[in-house]
N, C-alpha and C. Protein backbone atom coordinates (compact mmCIF):
# COMPACT_ATOMS: atom_id res chain seq x y z
N UNK A 1 55.45 116.72 131.62
CA UNK A 1 56.79 116.92 131.12
C UNK A 1 57.57 115.60 131.11
N UNK A 2 57.36 114.81 132.19
CA UNK A 2 58.05 113.53 132.28
C UNK A 2 57.62 112.60 131.14
N UNK A 3 56.32 112.61 130.80
CA UNK A 3 55.81 111.78 129.70
C UNK A 3 56.43 112.19 128.37
N UNK A 4 56.57 113.48 128.15
CA UNK A 4 57.18 113.97 126.91
C UNK A 4 58.62 113.48 126.82
N UNK A 5 59.35 113.58 127.91
CA UNK A 5 60.74 113.14 127.95
C UNK A 5 60.83 111.64 127.64
N UNK A 6 59.95 110.85 128.24
CA UNK A 6 59.94 109.40 128.02
C UNK A 6 59.61 109.09 126.56
N UNK A 7 58.62 109.79 126.01
CA UNK A 7 58.24 109.58 124.60
C UNK A 7 59.38 109.93 123.67
N UNK A 8 60.02 111.06 123.90
CA UNK A 8 61.16 111.46 123.06
C UNK A 8 62.31 110.46 123.17
N UNK A 9 62.54 109.99 124.37
CA UNK A 9 63.61 109.00 124.58
C UNK A 9 63.31 107.73 123.81
N UNK A 10 62.06 107.27 123.86
CA UNK A 10 61.67 106.07 123.12
C UNK A 10 61.80 106.27 121.62
N UNK A 11 61.40 107.42 121.13
CA UNK A 11 61.51 107.71 119.69
C UNK A 11 62.97 107.68 119.26
N UNK A 12 63.84 108.30 120.03
CA UNK A 12 65.27 108.30 119.71
C UNK A 12 65.85 106.89 119.76
N UNK A 13 65.46 106.13 120.76
CA UNK A 13 65.94 104.77 120.89
C UNK A 13 65.50 103.92 119.70
N UNK A 14 64.23 104.00 119.35
CA UNK A 14 63.70 103.22 118.24
C UNK A 14 64.30 103.64 116.91
N UNK A 15 64.46 104.93 116.70
CA UNK A 15 65.05 105.38 115.43
C UNK A 15 66.51 104.97 115.34
N UNK A 16 67.21 104.94 116.46
CA UNK A 16 68.60 104.47 116.47
C UNK A 16 68.68 103.01 116.11
N UNK A 17 67.77 102.21 116.62
CA UNK A 17 67.75 100.79 116.29
C UNK A 17 67.42 100.57 114.83
N UNK A 18 66.51 101.33 114.29
CA UNK A 18 66.12 101.19 112.89
C UNK A 18 67.29 101.49 111.97
N UNK A 19 68.07 102.52 112.27
CA UNK A 19 69.17 102.86 111.39
C UNK A 19 70.27 101.80 111.44
N UNK A 20 70.43 101.11 112.58
CA UNK A 20 71.43 100.07 112.67
C UNK A 20 71.02 98.83 111.89
N UNK A 21 69.75 98.53 111.81
CA UNK A 21 69.30 97.33 111.13
C UNK A 21 69.28 97.49 109.61
N UNK A 22 69.35 98.68 109.12
CA UNK A 22 69.36 98.91 107.67
C UNK A 22 70.78 99.23 107.21
N UNK A 23 71.69 98.30 107.43
CA UNK A 23 73.08 98.52 107.08
C UNK A 23 73.40 98.14 105.63
N UNK A 24 72.39 97.84 104.85
CA UNK A 24 72.60 97.54 103.44
C UNK A 24 72.82 98.86 102.72
N UNK A 25 73.96 99.02 102.08
CA UNK A 25 74.28 100.30 101.46
C UNK A 25 73.36 100.63 100.29
N UNK A 26 73.03 101.90 100.17
CA UNK A 26 72.25 102.34 99.01
C UNK A 26 73.17 102.85 97.91
N UNK A 27 74.32 103.39 98.30
CA UNK A 27 75.33 103.79 97.33
C UNK A 27 76.49 102.81 97.40
N UNK A 28 77.01 102.48 96.25
CA UNK A 28 78.13 101.55 96.21
C UNK A 28 79.45 102.26 96.15
N UNK A 29 80.48 101.47 95.91
CA UNK A 29 81.84 101.99 95.87
C UNK A 29 82.66 101.07 94.96
N UNK A 30 83.44 101.66 94.08
CA UNK A 30 84.36 100.89 93.26
C UNK A 30 85.54 100.54 94.16
N UNK A 31 85.64 99.26 94.52
CA UNK A 31 86.65 98.83 95.48
C UNK A 31 87.75 98.03 94.81
N UNK A 32 88.86 97.92 95.51
CA UNK A 32 90.03 97.20 95.03
C UNK A 32 89.72 95.70 94.91
N UNK A 33 90.39 95.06 93.99
CA UNK A 33 90.27 93.62 93.82
C UNK A 33 91.31 92.85 94.62
N UNK A 34 92.14 93.56 95.37
CA UNK A 34 93.23 92.92 96.10
C UNK A 34 92.78 91.90 97.13
N UNK A 35 91.56 92.01 97.63
CA UNK A 35 91.08 91.09 98.66
C UNK A 35 90.63 89.74 98.10
N UNK A 36 90.48 89.63 96.81
CA UNK A 36 89.99 88.38 96.20
C UNK A 36 91.07 87.30 96.27
N UNK A 37 90.69 86.12 96.76
CA UNK A 37 91.62 85.00 96.88
C UNK A 37 92.08 84.51 95.52
N UNK A 38 93.41 84.32 95.40
CA UNK A 38 93.99 83.87 94.15
C UNK A 38 95.15 82.92 94.43
N UNK A 39 95.47 82.10 93.44
CA UNK A 39 96.64 81.25 93.58
C UNK A 39 97.89 82.11 93.48
N UNK A 40 99.00 81.57 93.96
CA UNK A 40 100.25 82.34 94.02
C UNK A 40 100.81 82.65 92.64
N UNK A 41 100.55 81.80 91.66
CA UNK A 41 101.11 82.00 90.33
C UNK A 41 100.00 82.11 89.29
N UNK A 42 99.43 83.31 89.15
CA UNK A 42 98.36 83.46 88.18
C UNK A 42 98.87 83.36 86.74
N UNK A 43 98.04 82.79 85.91
CA UNK A 43 98.32 82.78 84.47
C UNK A 43 97.00 82.71 83.74
N UNK A 44 97.01 82.97 82.48
CA UNK A 44 95.79 82.91 81.69
C UNK A 44 95.15 84.28 81.53
N UNK A 45 93.87 84.25 81.17
CA UNK A 45 93.12 85.48 80.90
C UNK A 45 93.09 86.40 82.11
N UNK A 46 93.52 87.63 81.91
CA UNK A 46 93.46 88.62 82.99
C UNK A 46 92.44 89.69 82.64
N UNK A 47 91.67 90.08 83.66
CA UNK A 47 90.68 91.13 83.50
C UNK A 47 91.05 92.30 84.41
N UNK A 48 90.87 93.53 83.93
CA UNK A 48 91.17 94.68 84.77
C UNK A 48 90.09 94.90 85.82
N UNK A 49 90.55 95.25 87.02
CA UNK A 49 89.62 95.62 88.09
C UNK A 49 89.00 96.97 87.73
N UNK A 50 87.74 97.17 88.09
CA UNK A 50 87.08 98.44 87.80
C UNK A 50 87.76 99.63 88.45
N UNK A 51 88.56 99.38 89.51
CA UNK A 51 89.27 100.50 90.14
C UNK A 51 90.48 100.95 89.31
N UNK A 52 90.81 100.18 88.26
CA UNK A 52 91.90 100.55 87.37
C UNK A 52 93.29 100.30 87.91
N UNK A 53 93.43 99.62 89.05
CA UNK A 53 94.74 99.48 89.69
C UNK A 53 95.33 98.09 89.62
N UNK A 54 94.55 97.09 89.26
CA UNK A 54 95.07 95.73 89.24
C UNK A 54 94.31 94.90 88.21
N UNK A 55 94.77 93.67 88.03
CA UNK A 55 94.09 92.72 87.16
C UNK A 55 93.93 91.41 87.92
N UNK A 56 93.02 90.58 87.44
CA UNK A 56 92.81 89.25 88.02
C UNK A 56 92.81 88.23 86.89
N UNK A 57 93.62 87.20 87.05
CA UNK A 57 93.60 86.07 86.12
C UNK A 57 92.48 85.14 86.56
N UNK A 58 91.55 84.85 85.65
CA UNK A 58 90.37 84.05 86.02
C UNK A 58 90.73 82.69 86.57
N UNK A 59 91.74 82.02 85.99
CA UNK A 59 92.06 80.68 86.46
C UNK A 59 92.84 80.68 87.77
N UNK A 60 93.12 81.87 88.32
CA UNK A 60 93.82 81.94 89.61
C UNK A 60 92.84 82.11 90.78
N UNK A 61 91.56 82.28 90.48
CA UNK A 61 90.57 82.54 91.55
C UNK A 61 90.47 81.37 92.51
N UNK A 62 90.41 81.69 93.80
CA UNK A 62 90.25 80.70 94.86
C UNK A 62 89.14 81.18 95.78
N UNK A 63 88.38 80.24 96.30
CA UNK A 63 87.25 80.60 97.13
C UNK A 63 87.51 80.35 98.60
N UNK A 64 86.46 80.34 99.33
CA UNK A 64 85.09 80.34 98.84
C UNK A 64 84.75 81.69 98.19
N UNK A 65 84.22 81.58 96.97
CA UNK A 65 83.98 82.76 96.15
C UNK A 65 82.72 82.57 95.32
N UNK A 66 81.94 83.64 95.26
CA UNK A 66 80.79 83.69 94.36
C UNK A 66 81.12 84.73 93.29
N UNK A 67 81.07 84.31 92.03
CA UNK A 67 81.34 85.20 90.91
C UNK A 67 80.01 85.48 90.21
N UNK A 68 79.64 86.75 90.18
CA UNK A 68 78.39 87.15 89.54
C UNK A 68 78.71 87.92 88.27
N UNK A 69 78.25 87.39 87.14
CA UNK A 69 78.49 88.02 85.84
C UNK A 69 77.27 88.88 85.51
N UNK A 70 77.51 90.18 85.22
CA UNK A 70 76.42 91.14 85.06
C UNK A 70 76.78 92.18 84.00
N UNK A 71 75.79 92.97 83.65
CA UNK A 71 75.99 94.12 82.77
C UNK A 71 75.05 95.23 83.21
N UNK A 72 75.48 96.46 83.08
CA UNK A 72 74.65 97.59 83.53
C UNK A 72 73.37 97.72 82.71
N UNK A 73 73.35 97.15 81.54
CA UNK A 73 72.22 97.21 80.61
C UNK A 73 71.23 96.08 80.85
N UNK A 74 71.52 95.19 81.79
CA UNK A 74 70.75 93.96 82.01
C UNK A 74 69.69 94.15 83.09
N UNK A 75 68.42 94.08 82.70
CA UNK A 75 67.31 94.26 83.66
C UNK A 75 67.30 93.18 84.73
N UNK A 76 67.55 91.94 84.37
CA UNK A 76 67.57 90.84 85.35
C UNK A 76 68.70 91.01 86.37
N UNK A 77 69.83 91.56 85.90
CA UNK A 77 70.95 91.82 86.81
C UNK A 77 70.55 92.84 87.86
N UNK A 78 69.83 93.86 87.44
CA UNK A 78 69.35 94.88 88.37
C UNK A 78 68.36 94.28 89.37
N UNK A 79 67.53 93.34 88.90
CA UNK A 79 66.54 92.70 89.77
C UNK A 79 67.18 91.92 90.91
N UNK A 80 68.31 91.27 90.65
CA UNK A 80 68.91 90.44 91.68
C UNK A 80 69.87 91.21 92.60
N UNK A 81 70.22 92.42 92.25
CA UNK A 81 71.18 93.18 93.06
C UNK A 81 70.75 93.41 94.51
N UNK A 82 69.51 93.77 94.79
CA UNK A 82 69.13 93.93 96.21
C UNK A 82 69.34 92.64 97.02
N UNK A 83 69.14 91.50 96.40
CA UNK A 83 69.33 90.21 97.05
C UNK A 83 70.81 89.99 97.34
N UNK A 84 71.65 90.26 96.35
CA UNK A 84 73.09 90.07 96.53
C UNK A 84 73.64 91.06 97.55
N UNK A 85 73.18 92.30 97.50
CA UNK A 85 73.63 93.30 98.48
C UNK A 85 73.30 92.87 99.91
N UNK A 86 72.08 92.45 100.13
CA UNK A 86 71.66 92.01 101.46
C UNK A 86 72.47 90.79 101.91
N UNK A 87 72.64 89.84 101.02
CA UNK A 87 73.43 88.63 101.32
C UNK A 87 74.86 89.00 101.68
N UNK A 88 75.46 89.90 100.91
CA UNK A 88 76.87 90.26 101.10
C UNK A 88 77.11 90.90 102.46
N UNK A 89 76.18 91.71 102.93
CA UNK A 89 76.32 92.33 104.25
C UNK A 89 76.46 91.23 105.32
N UNK A 90 75.74 90.15 105.16
CA UNK A 90 75.75 89.07 106.15
C UNK A 90 76.89 88.07 105.92
N UNK A 91 77.34 87.93 104.69
CA UNK A 91 78.25 86.84 104.34
C UNK A 91 79.69 87.25 104.12
N UNK A 92 79.99 88.54 104.05
CA UNK A 92 81.33 88.95 103.59
C UNK A 92 82.48 88.47 104.46
N UNK A 93 82.22 88.08 105.69
CA UNK A 93 83.30 87.53 106.52
C UNK A 93 83.52 86.04 106.24
N UNK A 94 82.61 85.41 105.48
CA UNK A 94 82.70 83.98 105.22
C UNK A 94 82.96 83.63 103.76
N UNK A 95 82.44 84.44 102.86
CA UNK A 95 82.56 84.16 101.43
C UNK A 95 82.75 85.49 100.69
N UNK A 96 83.61 85.46 99.69
CA UNK A 96 83.86 86.65 98.88
C UNK A 96 82.90 86.69 97.69
N UNK A 97 82.68 87.88 97.19
CA UNK A 97 81.93 88.04 95.94
C UNK A 97 82.80 88.84 94.99
N UNK A 98 82.81 88.41 93.75
CA UNK A 98 83.49 89.14 92.67
C UNK A 98 82.49 89.32 91.55
N UNK A 99 82.34 90.54 91.09
CA UNK A 99 81.48 90.80 89.94
C UNK A 99 82.31 90.88 88.68
N UNK A 100 81.74 90.40 87.58
CA UNK A 100 82.37 90.55 86.27
C UNK A 100 81.38 91.30 85.39
N UNK A 101 81.75 92.51 85.03
CA UNK A 101 80.94 93.39 84.20
C UNK A 101 81.26 93.09 82.74
N UNK A 102 80.25 92.70 81.99
CA UNK A 102 80.46 92.31 80.59
C UNK A 102 79.69 93.21 79.62
N UNK A 103 80.22 93.29 78.44
CA UNK A 103 79.56 93.93 77.30
C UNK A 103 79.19 95.39 77.54
N UNK A 104 80.07 96.14 78.19
CA UNK A 104 79.85 97.57 78.41
C UNK A 104 80.44 98.37 77.25
N UNK A 105 79.81 99.47 76.93
CA UNK A 105 80.36 100.37 75.92
C UNK A 105 81.67 100.98 76.42
N UNK A 106 81.72 101.31 77.71
CA UNK A 106 82.94 101.85 78.33
C UNK A 106 82.95 101.50 79.81
N UNK A 107 84.15 101.41 80.38
CA UNK A 107 84.27 100.96 81.77
C UNK A 107 83.60 101.93 82.74
N UNK A 108 83.51 103.19 82.39
CA UNK A 108 82.84 104.15 83.30
C UNK A 108 81.36 103.82 83.47
N UNK A 109 80.74 103.18 82.46
CA UNK A 109 79.34 102.75 82.61
C UNK A 109 79.22 101.73 83.74
N UNK A 110 80.15 100.79 83.79
CA UNK A 110 80.14 99.79 84.86
C UNK A 110 80.41 100.41 86.22
N UNK A 111 81.39 101.32 86.29
CA UNK A 111 81.72 101.97 87.56
C UNK A 111 80.54 102.79 88.06
N UNK A 112 79.88 103.52 87.17
CA UNK A 112 78.69 104.30 87.56
C UNK A 112 77.59 103.38 88.08
N UNK A 113 77.40 102.26 87.43
CA UNK A 113 76.38 101.29 87.84
C UNK A 113 76.67 100.75 89.24
N UNK A 114 77.94 100.43 89.51
CA UNK A 114 78.35 99.93 90.82
C UNK A 114 77.95 100.91 91.92
N UNK A 115 78.28 102.19 91.71
CA UNK A 115 77.99 103.21 92.72
C UNK A 115 76.49 103.42 92.88
N UNK A 116 75.78 103.55 91.78
CA UNK A 116 74.33 103.83 91.83
C UNK A 116 73.53 102.67 92.42
N UNK A 117 74.06 101.46 92.34
CA UNK A 117 73.30 100.29 92.77
C UNK A 117 73.82 99.63 94.03
N UNK A 118 74.64 100.33 94.80
CA UNK A 118 75.02 99.86 96.13
C UNK A 118 75.95 98.67 96.17
N UNK A 119 76.72 98.44 95.13
CA UNK A 119 77.65 97.31 95.11
C UNK A 119 78.92 97.71 95.87
N UNK A 120 79.30 96.90 96.85
CA UNK A 120 80.46 97.22 97.68
C UNK A 120 81.50 96.09 97.65
N UNK A 121 81.44 95.24 96.66
CA UNK A 121 82.40 94.16 96.51
C UNK A 121 83.23 94.43 95.24
N UNK A 122 84.38 93.77 95.12
CA UNK A 122 85.23 93.98 93.95
C UNK A 122 84.55 93.56 92.65
N UNK A 123 84.87 94.30 91.59
CA UNK A 123 84.35 94.00 90.26
C UNK A 123 85.46 94.18 89.24
N UNK A 124 85.47 93.29 88.26
CA UNK A 124 86.37 93.42 87.12
C UNK A 124 85.51 93.70 85.89
N UNK A 125 86.16 94.11 84.83
CA UNK A 125 85.43 94.37 83.60
C UNK A 125 86.02 93.54 82.47
N UNK A 126 85.14 93.01 81.65
CA UNK A 126 85.53 92.27 80.47
C UNK A 126 85.25 93.18 79.27
N UNK A 127 86.22 94.00 78.88
CA UNK A 127 85.96 95.01 77.86
C UNK A 127 85.80 94.47 76.44
N UNK A 128 86.29 93.26 76.19
CA UNK A 128 86.24 92.76 74.82
C UNK A 128 85.60 91.37 74.67
N UNK A 129 84.86 90.93 75.68
CA UNK A 129 84.13 89.67 75.58
C UNK A 129 84.96 88.41 75.68
N UNK A 130 86.16 88.50 76.22
CA UNK A 130 87.03 87.32 76.26
C UNK A 130 86.56 86.26 77.25
N UNK A 131 85.66 86.59 78.17
CA UNK A 131 85.19 85.59 79.14
C UNK A 131 84.06 84.72 78.58
N UNK A 132 83.60 85.01 77.40
CA UNK A 132 82.51 84.19 76.84
C UNK A 132 82.86 82.71 76.81
N UNK A 133 84.11 82.40 76.56
CA UNK A 133 84.54 81.00 76.55
C UNK A 133 84.43 80.35 77.91
N UNK A 134 84.63 81.13 78.97
CA UNK A 134 84.54 80.60 80.34
C UNK A 134 83.11 80.64 80.85
N UNK A 135 82.46 81.77 80.68
CA UNK A 135 81.16 82.00 81.31
C UNK A 135 79.98 81.84 80.37
N UNK A 136 80.22 81.73 79.06
CA UNK A 136 79.14 81.62 78.10
C UNK A 136 78.53 82.98 77.83
N UNK A 137 77.50 82.99 77.03
CA UNK A 137 76.82 84.23 76.70
C UNK A 137 75.57 84.36 77.55
N UNK A 138 75.16 85.55 77.79
CA UNK A 138 73.96 85.80 78.56
C UNK A 138 74.28 86.10 80.01
N UNK A 139 73.50 86.96 80.59
CA UNK A 139 73.65 87.32 81.99
C UNK A 139 72.25 87.43 82.60
N UNK A 140 72.13 87.33 83.88
CA UNK A 140 73.17 87.05 84.85
C UNK A 140 73.51 85.57 84.94
N UNK A 141 74.74 85.32 85.34
CA UNK A 141 75.23 83.98 85.64
C UNK A 141 76.00 84.10 86.95
N UNK A 142 75.82 83.15 87.84
CA UNK A 142 76.51 83.18 89.12
C UNK A 142 77.24 81.86 89.32
N UNK A 143 78.54 81.98 89.59
CA UNK A 143 79.41 80.83 89.76
C UNK A 143 79.80 80.70 91.22
N UNK A 144 79.95 79.47 91.68
CA UNK A 144 80.40 79.17 93.03
C UNK A 144 81.73 78.43 92.92
N UNK A 145 82.78 79.02 93.51
CA UNK A 145 84.14 78.50 93.37
C UNK A 145 84.67 78.12 94.75
N UNK A 146 85.19 76.89 94.85
CA UNK A 146 85.69 76.42 96.15
C UNK A 146 87.12 76.88 96.40
N UNK A 147 87.67 76.47 97.54
CA UNK A 147 89.00 76.94 97.96
C UNK A 147 90.11 76.44 97.05
N UNK A 148 89.87 75.38 96.29
CA UNK A 148 90.87 74.87 95.36
C UNK A 148 90.77 75.57 93.99
N UNK A 149 89.78 76.41 93.83
CA UNK A 149 89.60 77.10 92.55
C UNK A 149 88.69 76.36 91.59
N UNK A 150 88.04 75.32 92.06
CA UNK A 150 87.15 74.52 91.22
C UNK A 150 85.75 75.14 91.21
N UNK A 151 85.18 75.25 90.00
CA UNK A 151 83.80 75.70 89.88
C UNK A 151 82.91 74.54 90.31
N UNK A 152 82.19 74.73 91.41
CA UNK A 152 81.37 73.65 91.95
C UNK A 152 79.89 73.79 91.57
N UNK A 153 79.51 74.97 91.07
CA UNK A 153 78.14 75.16 90.61
C UNK A 153 78.06 76.40 89.73
N UNK A 154 77.17 76.33 88.75
CA UNK A 154 76.91 77.45 87.86
C UNK A 154 75.40 77.68 87.84
N UNK A 155 74.98 78.82 88.34
CA UNK A 155 73.55 79.18 88.35
C UNK A 155 73.31 80.12 87.17
N UNK A 156 72.54 79.65 86.21
CA UNK A 156 72.22 80.47 85.04
C UNK A 156 70.89 81.16 85.32
N UNK A 157 70.87 82.47 85.14
CA UNK A 157 69.65 83.23 85.36
C UNK A 157 69.67 83.98 86.68
N UNK A 158 68.56 84.64 86.93
CA UNK A 158 68.43 85.54 88.07
C UNK A 158 68.32 84.78 89.39
N UNK A 159 69.06 85.24 90.39
CA UNK A 159 68.87 84.78 91.76
C UNK A 159 67.55 85.39 92.22
N UNK A 160 66.61 84.58 92.64
CA UNK A 160 65.25 85.05 92.94
C UNK A 160 65.03 85.50 94.38
N UNK A 161 65.87 85.00 95.31
CA UNK A 161 65.68 85.37 96.72
C UNK A 161 66.98 85.18 97.48
N UNK A 162 67.05 85.81 98.63
CA UNK A 162 68.22 85.63 99.47
C UNK A 162 68.27 84.20 100.01
N UNK A 163 67.13 83.60 100.24
CA UNK A 163 67.08 82.20 100.69
C UNK A 163 67.73 81.31 99.63
N UNK A 164 67.42 81.55 98.36
CA UNK A 164 68.03 80.77 97.28
C UNK A 164 69.55 80.92 97.30
N UNK A 165 70.05 82.14 97.44
CA UNK A 165 71.49 82.39 97.45
C UNK A 165 72.15 81.75 98.67
N UNK A 166 71.50 81.83 99.83
CA UNK A 166 72.03 81.17 101.04
C UNK A 166 72.07 79.66 100.86
N UNK A 167 70.98 79.09 100.27
CA UNK A 167 70.92 77.64 100.07
C UNK A 167 71.99 77.16 99.09
N UNK A 168 72.21 77.91 98.01
CA UNK A 168 73.25 77.54 97.04
C UNK A 168 74.64 77.62 97.69
N UNK A 169 74.86 78.64 98.50
CA UNK A 169 76.14 78.80 99.19
C UNK A 169 76.37 77.65 100.17
N UNK A 170 75.34 77.27 100.87
CA UNK A 170 75.44 76.16 101.82
C UNK A 170 75.70 74.84 101.08
N UNK A 171 74.93 74.60 100.04
CA UNK A 171 75.02 73.33 99.31
C UNK A 171 76.36 73.17 98.59
N UNK A 172 76.83 74.22 97.94
CA UNK A 172 78.01 74.07 97.08
C UNK A 172 79.32 74.56 97.72
N UNK A 173 79.25 75.51 98.64
CA UNK A 173 80.46 75.99 99.28
C UNK A 173 80.56 75.54 100.74
N UNK A 174 79.50 74.88 101.23
CA UNK A 174 79.45 74.36 102.60
C UNK A 174 79.65 75.46 103.63
N UNK A 175 79.03 76.60 103.36
CA UNK A 175 79.11 77.75 104.25
C UNK A 175 77.69 78.15 104.61
N UNK A 176 77.44 78.28 105.91
CA UNK A 176 76.14 78.70 106.38
C UNK A 176 76.16 80.20 106.62
N UNK A 177 75.22 80.88 106.00
CA UNK A 177 75.06 82.33 106.17
C UNK A 177 73.66 82.56 106.74
N UNK A 178 73.60 83.29 107.85
CA UNK A 178 72.28 83.52 108.45
C UNK A 178 71.90 84.97 108.36
């Protein structure tokens, strides 16, 4: 009886530890954009937040910030999402992430994608392609923006690993994420 009790205790202990280590969300949430760093006097192109409650002027963004441009229809964007989700769990106290959803038929497509794919950071939507002048065409693209609002690096294409994303963050934003 004592052995059974010890075995059950170990199973409960181990299963408790396993659930704590898998804190990467499987379901996402359309969250407010209010937490994104911005200059005091925004001007220029404004994009609506996917939550429908606010807008963000692109030239007002301040970092440290990683801006990931994506579309729900983009296979490469889906490929890099597990990497970004895992990174964000570890980095959100040091660096912000903002998603920009482009070329959607309707904003609900982007919101559904956010929830289904475990995205828990703020996202805006570009409903009419006005960011093409800033971000160019094609996705995914990931921008690194410093505290002054300067774009310090532009990664074109898919982020291939969490190590790559950590290295880019360290190199261009001078932030170490472990």
